[in-house]
N, C-alpha and C. Protein backbone atom coordinates (compact mmCIF):
# COMPACT_ATOMS: atom_id res chain seq x y z
N MET A 1 20.41 -11.77 -8.72
CA MET A 1 19.77 -10.70 -7.99
C MET A 1 18.47 -11.20 -7.39
N ALA A 2 18.52 -11.44 -6.11
CA ALA A 2 17.35 -12.00 -5.42
C ALA A 2 16.13 -11.11 -5.56
N ASP A 3 16.30 -9.79 -5.49
CA ASP A 3 15.14 -8.89 -5.54
C ASP A 3 14.38 -9.03 -6.87
N ILE A 4 15.08 -9.26 -7.96
CA ILE A 4 14.42 -9.44 -9.26
C ILE A 4 13.64 -10.76 -9.25
N ILE A 5 14.24 -11.81 -8.68
CA ILE A 5 13.55 -13.10 -8.58
C ILE A 5 12.30 -12.96 -7.71
N TYR A 6 12.42 -12.26 -6.58
CA TYR A 6 11.27 -12.05 -5.70
C TYR A 6 10.18 -11.25 -6.43
N HIS A 7 10.60 -10.26 -7.22
CA HIS A 7 9.64 -9.48 -8.00
C HIS A 7 8.89 -10.38 -8.98
N GLU A 8 9.62 -11.20 -9.71
CA GLU A 8 8.99 -12.08 -10.70
C GLU A 8 8.08 -13.11 -10.02
N TRP A 9 8.47 -13.57 -8.83
CA TRP A 9 7.63 -14.49 -8.08
C TRP A 9 6.30 -13.81 -7.73
N GLY A 10 6.34 -12.49 -7.48
CA GLY A 10 5.11 -11.74 -7.22
C GLY A 10 4.14 -11.80 -8.39
N HIS A 11 4.67 -11.76 -9.62
CA HIS A 11 3.79 -11.93 -10.80
C HIS A 11 3.15 -13.31 -10.79
N ALA A 12 3.93 -14.32 -10.45
CA ALA A 12 3.40 -15.68 -10.40
C ALA A 12 2.30 -15.79 -9.34
N LEU A 13 2.49 -15.15 -8.20
CA LEU A 13 1.47 -15.13 -7.16
C LEU A 13 0.19 -14.46 -7.69
N ASP A 14 0.34 -13.31 -8.33
CA ASP A 14 -0.81 -12.61 -8.89
C ASP A 14 -1.53 -13.50 -9.90
N ASP A 15 -0.80 -14.15 -10.76
CA ASP A 15 -1.39 -15.04 -11.76
C ASP A 15 -2.12 -16.20 -11.09
N ALA A 16 -1.53 -16.76 -10.05
CA ALA A 16 -2.14 -17.91 -9.36
C ALA A 16 -3.43 -17.53 -8.63
N LEU A 17 -3.58 -16.26 -8.30
CA LEU A 17 -4.77 -15.79 -7.58
C LEU A 17 -5.91 -15.39 -8.51
N GLY A 18 -5.87 -15.85 -9.73
CA GLY A 18 -6.97 -15.58 -10.64
C GLY A 18 -6.56 -14.94 -11.95
N GLY A 19 -5.28 -14.84 -12.17
CA GLY A 19 -4.82 -14.24 -13.42
C GLY A 19 -4.52 -12.77 -13.23
N ILE A 20 -3.60 -12.27 -13.99
CA ILE A 20 -3.21 -10.87 -13.89
C ILE A 20 -4.29 -10.00 -14.53
N GLN A 21 -5.02 -9.26 -13.70
CA GLN A 21 -6.12 -8.42 -14.16
C GLN A 21 -5.69 -6.98 -14.42
N ASP A 22 -4.64 -6.55 -13.75
CA ASP A 22 -4.19 -5.16 -13.81
C ASP A 22 -2.66 -5.19 -13.85
N GLY A 23 -2.08 -4.87 -15.00
CA GLY A 23 -0.64 -4.95 -15.16
C GLY A 23 0.12 -4.07 -14.18
N ALA A 24 -0.37 -2.86 -13.92
CA ALA A 24 0.29 -1.97 -12.97
C ALA A 24 0.26 -2.56 -11.56
N PHE A 25 -0.88 -3.14 -11.18
CA PHE A 25 -0.99 -3.75 -9.86
C PHE A 25 -0.07 -4.96 -9.76
N SER A 26 0.04 -5.74 -10.83
CA SER A 26 0.92 -6.90 -10.82
C SER A 26 2.38 -6.48 -10.64
N GLU A 27 2.76 -5.39 -11.28
CA GLU A 27 4.13 -4.87 -11.09
C GLU A 27 4.34 -4.46 -9.63
N ALA A 28 3.33 -3.83 -9.04
CA ALA A 28 3.43 -3.42 -7.64
C ALA A 28 3.48 -4.62 -6.71
N ILE A 29 2.72 -5.66 -7.03
CA ILE A 29 2.76 -6.88 -6.22
C ILE A 29 4.18 -7.44 -6.24
N GLY A 30 4.78 -7.47 -7.42
CA GLY A 30 6.16 -7.93 -7.52
C GLY A 30 7.11 -7.06 -6.71
N ASP A 31 6.95 -5.75 -6.82
CA ASP A 31 7.84 -4.84 -6.08
C ASP A 31 7.66 -4.97 -4.58
N MET A 32 6.41 -5.11 -4.12
CA MET A 32 6.18 -5.24 -2.69
C MET A 32 6.68 -6.59 -2.18
N ASN A 33 6.52 -7.63 -2.97
CA ASN A 33 7.05 -8.94 -2.57
C ASN A 33 8.56 -8.83 -2.38
N SER A 34 9.22 -8.18 -3.31
CA SER A 34 10.67 -7.97 -3.19
C SER A 34 11.00 -7.16 -1.93
N TYR A 35 10.25 -6.09 -1.69
CA TYR A 35 10.50 -5.26 -0.52
C TYR A 35 10.34 -6.04 0.78
N PHE A 36 9.25 -6.80 0.89
CA PHE A 36 9.01 -7.53 2.14
C PHE A 36 10.12 -8.55 2.41
N LEU A 37 10.71 -9.09 1.36
CA LEU A 37 11.75 -10.10 1.54
C LEU A 37 13.16 -9.52 1.68
N THR A 38 13.40 -8.34 1.11
CA THR A 38 14.75 -7.76 1.17
C THR A 38 14.85 -6.55 2.09
N LYS A 39 13.70 -5.89 2.37
CA LYS A 39 13.66 -4.64 3.14
C LYS A 39 14.41 -3.52 2.41
N ASP A 40 14.53 -3.64 1.09
CA ASP A 40 15.17 -2.62 0.27
C ASP A 40 14.12 -2.06 -0.67
N SER A 41 13.93 -0.76 -0.65
CA SER A 41 12.92 -0.12 -1.50
C SER A 41 13.31 -0.10 -2.97
N ARG A 42 14.56 -0.39 -3.24
CA ARG A 42 15.04 -0.35 -4.63
C ARG A 42 14.86 -1.71 -5.29
N ILE A 43 14.35 -1.68 -6.51
CA ILE A 43 14.21 -2.89 -7.30
C ILE A 43 15.33 -2.88 -8.32
N GLY A 44 16.18 -3.89 -8.28
CA GLY A 44 17.30 -3.98 -9.20
C GLY A 44 18.42 -3.00 -8.91
N PRO A 45 18.81 -2.82 -7.62
CA PRO A 45 19.96 -1.95 -7.37
C PRO A 45 21.20 -2.59 -8.00
N SER A 46 22.03 -1.76 -8.58
CA SER A 46 23.24 -2.22 -9.27
C SER A 46 22.91 -3.14 -10.44
N PHE A 47 21.74 -2.97 -11.03
CA PHE A 47 21.33 -3.78 -12.17
C PHE A 47 22.29 -3.60 -13.34
N LEU A 48 22.77 -2.38 -13.51
CA LEU A 48 23.76 -2.11 -14.54
C LEU A 48 25.14 -2.10 -13.89
N LYS A 49 26.00 -2.98 -14.32
CA LYS A 49 27.31 -3.13 -13.68
C LYS A 49 28.13 -1.85 -13.72
N ASP A 50 28.00 -1.09 -14.80
CA ASP A 50 28.80 0.13 -14.90
C ASP A 50 28.16 1.33 -14.19
N LYS A 51 26.95 1.14 -13.61
CA LYS A 51 26.26 2.20 -12.86
C LYS A 51 25.73 1.63 -11.55
N PRO A 52 26.59 1.46 -10.55
CA PRO A 52 26.15 0.82 -9.31
C PRO A 52 25.07 1.59 -8.56
N GLU A 53 24.94 2.88 -8.82
CA GLU A 53 23.91 3.68 -8.15
C GLU A 53 22.54 3.52 -8.80
N PHE A 54 22.49 2.90 -9.97
CA PHE A 54 21.25 2.74 -10.73
C PHE A 54 20.37 1.65 -10.12
N ALA A 55 19.08 1.92 -10.04
CA ALA A 55 18.08 0.91 -9.68
C ALA A 55 16.94 1.04 -10.70
N ILE A 56 16.31 -0.06 -11.02
CA ILE A 56 15.22 -0.04 -11.98
C ILE A 56 14.08 0.83 -11.48
N ARG A 57 13.72 0.66 -10.21
CA ARG A 57 12.69 1.47 -9.56
C ARG A 57 13.06 1.62 -8.09
N ASP A 58 12.52 2.65 -7.49
CA ASP A 58 12.66 2.83 -6.05
C ASP A 58 11.28 3.18 -5.51
N ILE A 59 10.66 2.24 -4.81
CA ILE A 59 9.28 2.44 -4.37
C ILE A 59 9.15 3.44 -3.22
N SER A 60 10.28 3.92 -2.70
CA SER A 60 10.21 4.95 -1.66
C SER A 60 9.97 6.34 -2.27
N GLN A 61 10.04 6.45 -3.58
CA GLN A 61 9.78 7.72 -4.25
C GLN A 61 8.27 7.95 -4.33
N PHE A 62 7.81 9.05 -3.76
CA PHE A 62 6.39 9.35 -3.69
C PHE A 62 5.77 9.47 -5.07
N LYS A 63 4.64 8.80 -5.27
CA LYS A 63 3.86 8.89 -6.50
C LYS A 63 2.40 9.06 -6.12
N LYS A 64 1.65 9.80 -6.96
CA LYS A 64 0.26 10.09 -6.65
C LYS A 64 -0.62 9.88 -7.88
N TYR A 65 -1.81 9.35 -7.62
CA TYR A 65 -2.81 9.15 -8.66
C TYR A 65 -3.61 10.44 -8.80
N PRO A 66 -3.95 10.89 -9.98
CA PRO A 66 -3.70 10.31 -11.29
C PRO A 66 -2.47 10.87 -12.01
N GLN A 67 -1.85 11.92 -11.45
CA GLN A 67 -0.80 12.60 -12.20
C GLN A 67 0.43 11.76 -12.50
N ASP A 68 0.71 10.73 -11.72
CA ASP A 68 1.90 9.91 -11.95
C ASP A 68 1.61 8.60 -12.68
N ARG A 69 0.52 8.56 -13.41
CA ARG A 69 0.16 7.33 -14.13
C ARG A 69 1.16 7.00 -15.24
N GLY A 70 1.93 7.97 -15.71
CA GLY A 70 2.93 7.70 -16.73
C GLY A 70 2.32 7.28 -18.06
N ASP A 71 1.23 7.94 -18.45
CA ASP A 71 0.54 7.61 -19.70
C ASP A 71 0.13 6.15 -19.77
N GLY A 72 -0.17 5.57 -18.62
CA GLY A 72 -0.66 4.19 -18.59
C GLY A 72 0.40 3.12 -18.70
N GLU A 73 1.67 3.49 -18.78
CA GLU A 73 2.73 2.48 -18.85
C GLU A 73 2.76 1.79 -17.49
N GLU A 74 2.57 0.48 -17.48
CA GLU A 74 2.32 -0.23 -16.22
C GLU A 74 3.47 -0.18 -15.22
N HIS A 75 4.71 -0.12 -15.68
CA HIS A 75 5.83 -0.04 -14.74
C HIS A 75 5.85 1.32 -14.03
N ALA A 76 5.53 2.38 -14.76
CA ALA A 76 5.45 3.71 -14.16
C ALA A 76 4.22 3.81 -13.25
N GLU A 77 3.09 3.36 -13.76
CA GLU A 77 1.84 3.47 -12.99
C GLU A 77 1.89 2.63 -11.71
N SER A 78 2.59 1.52 -11.76
CA SER A 78 2.67 0.64 -10.59
C SER A 78 3.27 1.33 -9.38
N GLN A 79 4.09 2.34 -9.63
CA GLN A 79 4.77 3.01 -8.52
C GLN A 79 3.80 3.81 -7.66
N ILE A 80 2.61 4.10 -8.18
CA ILE A 80 1.61 4.78 -7.36
C ILE A 80 1.22 3.87 -6.19
N ILE A 81 0.84 2.65 -6.49
CA ILE A 81 0.37 1.76 -5.42
C ILE A 81 1.53 1.16 -4.64
N SER A 82 2.67 0.90 -5.28
CA SER A 82 3.79 0.36 -4.51
C SER A 82 4.34 1.41 -3.55
N SER A 83 4.38 2.69 -3.96
CA SER A 83 4.85 3.72 -3.02
C SER A 83 3.83 3.93 -1.90
N THR A 84 2.56 3.69 -2.20
CA THR A 84 1.52 3.77 -1.16
C THR A 84 1.75 2.69 -0.11
N TRP A 85 1.90 1.45 -0.57
CA TRP A 85 2.12 0.35 0.38
C TRP A 85 3.46 0.49 1.10
N TYR A 86 4.45 1.03 0.44
CA TYR A 86 5.74 1.29 1.10
C TYR A 86 5.53 2.26 2.26
N ASP A 87 4.77 3.34 2.02
CA ASP A 87 4.50 4.31 3.09
C ASP A 87 3.71 3.67 4.23
N VAL A 88 2.73 2.82 3.89
CA VAL A 88 1.98 2.09 4.93
C VAL A 88 2.96 1.25 5.76
N ALA A 89 3.86 0.56 5.07
CA ALA A 89 4.84 -0.29 5.77
C ALA A 89 5.71 0.51 6.72
N GLN A 90 6.11 1.71 6.31
CA GLN A 90 6.96 2.54 7.18
C GLN A 90 6.22 2.92 8.46
N ILE A 91 4.93 3.23 8.33
CA ILE A 91 4.15 3.58 9.53
C ILE A 91 3.92 2.36 10.39
N PHE A 92 3.59 1.22 9.79
CA PHE A 92 3.41 -0.01 10.57
C PHE A 92 4.68 -0.32 11.36
N GLU A 93 5.82 -0.15 10.74
CA GLU A 93 7.08 -0.44 11.43
C GLU A 93 7.32 0.55 12.56
N ARG A 94 6.91 1.81 12.38
CA ARG A 94 7.07 2.80 13.44
C ARG A 94 6.11 2.50 14.59
N VAL A 95 4.87 2.12 14.26
CA VAL A 95 3.86 1.87 15.29
C VAL A 95 4.08 0.53 16.00
N HIS A 96 4.43 -0.51 15.24
CA HIS A 96 4.53 -1.86 15.80
C HIS A 96 5.95 -2.36 16.01
N GLY A 97 6.94 -1.55 15.71
CA GLY A 97 8.33 -1.96 15.90
C GLY A 97 8.70 -3.13 15.03
N ALA A 98 9.43 -4.07 15.59
CA ALA A 98 9.95 -5.21 14.84
C ALA A 98 8.86 -6.05 14.19
N GLU A 99 7.66 -6.06 14.74
CA GLU A 99 6.56 -6.84 14.17
C GLU A 99 5.85 -6.13 13.02
N GLY A 100 6.17 -4.87 12.80
CA GLY A 100 5.48 -4.07 11.79
C GLY A 100 5.55 -4.64 10.39
N ASN A 101 6.73 -5.09 9.98
CA ASN A 101 6.87 -5.63 8.63
C ASN A 101 5.99 -6.87 8.43
N ALA A 102 5.98 -7.75 9.40
CA ALA A 102 5.16 -8.97 9.29
C ALA A 102 3.67 -8.62 9.29
N LYS A 103 3.27 -7.64 10.10
CA LYS A 103 1.85 -7.25 10.15
C LYS A 103 1.39 -6.65 8.83
N VAL A 104 2.16 -5.73 8.26
CA VAL A 104 1.73 -5.11 7.00
C VAL A 104 1.83 -6.12 5.86
N ALA A 105 2.83 -6.98 5.88
CA ALA A 105 2.93 -8.01 4.83
C ALA A 105 1.73 -8.94 4.89
N SER A 106 1.28 -9.28 6.09
CA SER A 106 0.11 -10.15 6.24
C SER A 106 -1.13 -9.51 5.62
N VAL A 107 -1.36 -8.23 5.91
CA VAL A 107 -2.51 -7.54 5.32
C VAL A 107 -2.35 -7.48 3.80
N PHE A 108 -1.16 -7.14 3.34
CA PHE A 108 -0.93 -7.01 1.90
C PHE A 108 -1.23 -8.32 1.17
N TYR A 109 -0.60 -9.41 1.62
CA TYR A 109 -0.79 -10.69 0.91
C TYR A 109 -2.23 -11.18 1.00
N LYS A 110 -2.85 -11.05 2.16
CA LYS A 110 -4.25 -11.50 2.29
C LYS A 110 -5.20 -10.68 1.43
N HIS A 111 -4.94 -9.40 1.28
CA HIS A 111 -5.86 -8.58 0.49
C HIS A 111 -5.80 -8.93 -0.99
N LEU A 112 -4.74 -9.57 -1.42
CA LEU A 112 -4.61 -9.95 -2.83
C LEU A 112 -5.66 -10.98 -3.25
N VAL A 113 -6.16 -11.75 -2.30
CA VAL A 113 -7.15 -12.78 -2.61
C VAL A 113 -8.43 -12.16 -3.18
N SER A 114 -8.77 -10.96 -2.73
CA SER A 114 -10.03 -10.34 -3.16
C SER A 114 -9.83 -9.03 -3.92
N THR A 115 -8.62 -8.70 -4.29
CA THR A 115 -8.33 -7.43 -4.94
C THR A 115 -7.69 -7.67 -6.30
N ASP A 116 -8.35 -7.21 -7.37
CA ASP A 116 -7.84 -7.42 -8.72
C ASP A 116 -7.12 -6.21 -9.31
N THR A 117 -7.44 -5.00 -8.81
CA THR A 117 -6.82 -3.80 -9.35
C THR A 117 -6.30 -2.94 -8.21
N TYR A 118 -5.32 -2.11 -8.53
CA TYR A 118 -4.78 -1.28 -7.45
C TYR A 118 -5.78 -0.24 -6.98
N MET A 119 -6.76 0.10 -7.80
CA MET A 119 -7.79 1.05 -7.37
C MET A 119 -8.71 0.42 -6.31
N ASP A 120 -8.70 -0.89 -6.18
CA ASP A 120 -9.49 -1.59 -5.16
C ASP A 120 -8.66 -1.95 -3.93
N SER A 121 -7.39 -1.62 -3.94
CA SER A 121 -6.48 -2.04 -2.88
C SER A 121 -6.87 -1.47 -1.51
N TYR A 122 -7.32 -0.24 -1.47
CA TYR A 122 -7.69 0.39 -0.20
C TYR A 122 -8.79 -0.40 0.50
N MET A 123 -9.88 -0.66 -0.21
CA MET A 123 -11.00 -1.40 0.40
C MET A 123 -10.58 -2.83 0.74
N GLY A 124 -9.78 -3.45 -0.11
CA GLY A 124 -9.30 -4.80 0.17
C GLY A 124 -8.48 -4.84 1.45
N ALA A 125 -7.65 -3.83 1.66
CA ALA A 125 -6.84 -3.76 2.89
C ALA A 125 -7.72 -3.58 4.12
N LEU A 126 -8.73 -2.73 4.01
CA LEU A 126 -9.62 -2.52 5.16
C LEU A 126 -10.37 -3.78 5.53
N VAL A 127 -10.84 -4.52 4.53
CA VAL A 127 -11.56 -5.77 4.80
C VAL A 127 -10.66 -6.75 5.54
N VAL A 128 -9.41 -6.86 5.12
CA VAL A 128 -8.48 -7.77 5.79
C VAL A 128 -8.15 -7.27 7.19
N ASP A 129 -7.99 -5.98 7.36
CA ASP A 129 -7.62 -5.40 8.65
C ASP A 129 -8.77 -5.41 9.65
N ASP A 130 -9.99 -5.55 9.17
CA ASP A 130 -11.17 -5.50 10.02
C ASP A 130 -11.12 -6.57 11.12
N ASP A 131 -11.57 -6.20 12.31
CA ASP A 131 -11.52 -7.14 13.43
C ASP A 131 -12.89 -7.50 14.00
N ASP A 132 -13.96 -6.95 13.42
CA ASP A 132 -15.28 -7.25 13.99
C ASP A 132 -16.39 -7.36 12.95
N GLY A 133 -16.05 -7.39 11.67
CA GLY A 133 -17.06 -7.53 10.63
C GLY A 133 -17.87 -6.28 10.38
N ASN A 134 -17.40 -5.14 10.88
CA ASN A 134 -18.14 -3.88 10.73
C ASN A 134 -17.17 -2.78 10.32
N LEU A 135 -17.12 -2.47 9.02
CA LEU A 135 -16.21 -1.42 8.55
C LEU A 135 -16.67 -0.03 8.96
N ASN A 136 -17.93 0.11 9.37
CA ASN A 136 -18.42 1.43 9.78
C ASN A 136 -17.75 1.95 11.05
N ASN A 137 -17.23 1.06 11.88
CA ASN A 137 -16.55 1.52 13.09
C ASN A 137 -15.03 1.45 12.93
N CYS A 138 -14.60 1.45 11.69
CA CYS A 138 -13.17 1.46 11.34
C CYS A 138 -12.54 0.09 11.53
N THR A 139 -11.24 0.04 11.42
CA THR A 139 -10.45 -1.17 11.61
C THR A 139 -9.28 -0.78 12.50
N PRO A 140 -8.52 -1.71 13.01
CA PRO A 140 -7.41 -1.33 13.89
C PRO A 140 -6.42 -0.33 13.26
N HIS A 141 -6.21 -0.42 11.96
CA HIS A 141 -5.25 0.45 11.29
C HIS A 141 -5.93 1.38 10.28
N TYR A 142 -7.21 1.63 10.49
CA TYR A 142 -8.00 2.39 9.54
C TYR A 142 -7.36 3.74 9.19
N CYS A 143 -6.98 4.49 10.19
CA CYS A 143 -6.45 5.83 9.92
C CYS A 143 -5.10 5.79 9.22
N ILE A 144 -4.32 4.77 9.47
CA ILE A 144 -3.07 4.62 8.71
C ILE A 144 -3.41 4.45 7.24
N PHE A 145 -4.29 3.50 6.94
CA PHE A 145 -4.66 3.27 5.55
C PHE A 145 -5.31 4.51 4.94
N ASN A 146 -6.24 5.14 5.67
CA ASN A 146 -6.94 6.28 5.11
C ASN A 146 -5.98 7.43 4.81
N ARG A 147 -5.14 7.78 5.74
CA ARG A 147 -4.22 8.89 5.53
C ARG A 147 -3.25 8.62 4.38
N VAL A 148 -2.68 7.42 4.33
CA VAL A 148 -1.68 7.13 3.29
C VAL A 148 -2.34 7.01 1.93
N PHE A 149 -3.43 6.27 1.82
CA PHE A 149 -4.09 6.13 0.52
C PHE A 149 -4.65 7.48 0.05
N THR A 150 -5.09 8.33 0.97
CA THR A 150 -5.53 9.68 0.59
C THR A 150 -4.36 10.49 0.05
N LYS A 151 -3.24 10.45 0.74
CA LYS A 151 -2.06 11.20 0.31
C LYS A 151 -1.63 10.81 -1.11
N HIS A 152 -1.83 9.55 -1.45
CA HIS A 152 -1.44 9.06 -2.78
C HIS A 152 -2.58 9.16 -3.80
N GLY A 153 -3.69 9.80 -3.43
CA GLY A 153 -4.79 10.05 -4.35
C GLY A 153 -5.70 8.86 -4.61
N LEU A 154 -5.68 7.86 -3.72
CA LEU A 154 -6.42 6.62 -3.98
C LEU A 154 -7.69 6.47 -3.16
N THR A 155 -8.00 7.43 -2.31
CA THR A 155 -9.27 7.46 -1.59
C THR A 155 -9.49 8.88 -1.10
N GLN A 156 -10.62 9.10 -0.44
CA GLN A 156 -10.95 10.40 0.12
C GLN A 156 -10.61 10.43 1.60
N PRO A 157 -10.24 11.59 2.13
CA PRO A 157 -9.91 11.67 3.56
C PRO A 157 -11.13 11.43 4.42
N ASP A 158 -10.93 10.77 5.54
CA ASP A 158 -11.98 10.56 6.52
C ASP A 158 -11.71 11.52 7.68
N PRO A 159 -12.65 12.39 8.02
CA PRO A 159 -12.41 13.37 9.08
C PRO A 159 -12.13 12.72 10.44
N ARG A 160 -12.51 11.48 10.63
CA ARG A 160 -12.22 10.80 11.90
C ARG A 160 -10.73 10.55 12.06
N CYS A 161 -9.98 10.76 10.98
CA CYS A 161 -8.53 10.52 11.02
C CYS A 161 -7.76 11.83 11.06
N GLY A 162 -8.38 12.87 11.58
CA GLY A 162 -7.68 14.12 11.80
C GLY A 162 -7.55 14.99 10.57
N SER A 163 -8.56 15.00 9.72
CA SER A 163 -8.53 15.83 8.53
C SER A 163 -8.70 17.29 8.89
N SER A 164 -8.44 18.16 7.91
CA SER A 164 -8.55 19.60 8.13
C SER A 164 -10.01 20.01 8.27
N ALA A 165 -10.25 21.23 8.71
CA ALA A 165 -11.60 21.73 8.98
C ALA A 165 -12.47 21.67 7.73
N GLU A 166 -11.94 22.04 6.56
CA GLU A 166 -12.75 22.03 5.35
C GLU A 166 -13.22 20.62 5.03
N GLU A 167 -12.38 19.64 5.27
CA GLU A 167 -12.72 18.26 4.93
C GLU A 167 -13.72 17.66 5.91
N THR A 168 -13.89 18.23 7.10
CA THR A 168 -14.79 17.65 8.09
C THR A 168 -16.20 18.21 8.02
N GLN A 169 -16.40 19.32 7.32
CA GLN A 169 -17.74 19.91 7.25
C GLN A 169 -18.71 18.93 6.60
N GLY A 170 -19.86 18.75 7.23
CA GLY A 170 -20.88 17.86 6.71
C GLY A 170 -20.63 16.41 7.04
N ALA A 171 -19.64 16.12 7.86
CA ALA A 171 -19.33 14.74 8.17
C ALA A 171 -19.70 14.38 9.60
N GLY A 172 -20.57 15.19 10.23
CA GLY A 172 -20.93 14.95 11.62
C GLY A 172 -21.67 13.65 11.87
N ASP A 173 -22.25 13.06 10.80
CA ASP A 173 -23.01 11.83 11.01
C ASP A 173 -22.15 10.57 10.87
N LEU A 174 -20.84 10.73 10.67
CA LEU A 174 -19.97 9.55 10.59
C LEU A 174 -19.80 8.95 11.97
N PRO A 175 -19.85 7.61 12.08
CA PRO A 175 -19.66 6.98 13.39
C PRO A 175 -18.22 7.12 13.87
N ALA A 176 -18.05 7.11 15.15
CA ALA A 176 -16.70 7.17 15.70
C ALA A 176 -15.97 5.87 15.42
N CYS A 177 -14.66 5.96 15.31
CA CYS A 177 -13.86 4.75 15.10
C CYS A 177 -13.87 3.91 16.38
N SER A 178 -13.66 2.63 16.22
CA SER A 178 -13.67 1.73 17.37
C SER A 178 -12.46 2.00 18.27
N GLU A 179 -12.54 1.52 19.48
CA GLU A 179 -11.45 1.72 20.44
C GLU A 179 -10.18 0.99 20.02
N THR A 180 -10.30 -0.01 19.14
CA THR A 180 -9.11 -0.77 18.74
C THR A 180 -8.31 -0.07 17.66
N THR A 181 -8.85 1.04 17.13
CA THR A 181 -8.15 1.75 16.08
C THR A 181 -6.89 2.41 16.65
N ILE A 182 -5.79 2.31 15.91
CA ILE A 182 -4.54 2.97 16.33
C ILE A 182 -4.83 4.47 16.42
N PRO A 183 -4.53 5.13 17.54
CA PRO A 183 -4.83 6.54 17.70
C PRO A 183 -4.13 7.40 16.65
N VAL A 184 -4.82 8.42 16.19
CA VAL A 184 -4.27 9.33 15.18
C VAL A 184 -2.97 9.93 15.69
N SER A 185 -2.87 10.20 16.96
CA SER A 185 -1.66 10.84 17.51
C SER A 185 -0.42 9.98 17.32
N SER A 186 -0.57 8.68 17.13
CA SER A 186 0.61 7.82 16.95
C SER A 186 1.08 7.78 15.51
N LEU A 187 0.30 8.38 14.59
CA LEU A 187 0.70 8.41 13.19
C LEU A 187 1.67 9.54 12.99
């Protein structure tokens, strides 16, 4: 099963980048590595020979922090961040077409160099996505990251990304996003 091998290779990558600091994040790294290589959201499909519909995990199933932490069990908790990155990947593919998978995989793998826990993944992704050294004016995919990570409970909504009226009150001093940011209307 190639997807299981790709998943385990993701643990090796995490270990090589400074050691596994967050077990849940390491599981998600493995799952995302498998996804990027197979384009299948299921980890271990047909793992049980007598149950071909069974998969160990399916990262397309929505999970949100903190309610889906699964009492801290790292395989359950990992699905919060892997489902987040899966959703990011779906939008990248919709926005960028055939190049979307390579673009999101590039951000994902590069952000691992400076990200030790899944709670730091959002900021790590923005740093990698940044195109001018100034996070205050957003990044090319800022609103994609903000909307998806917010939906999964991993950051706060930014009103520049089309938040509701209640969420925008008091945010008038936020700088406008740069012109290179993917327009909210395309999300």
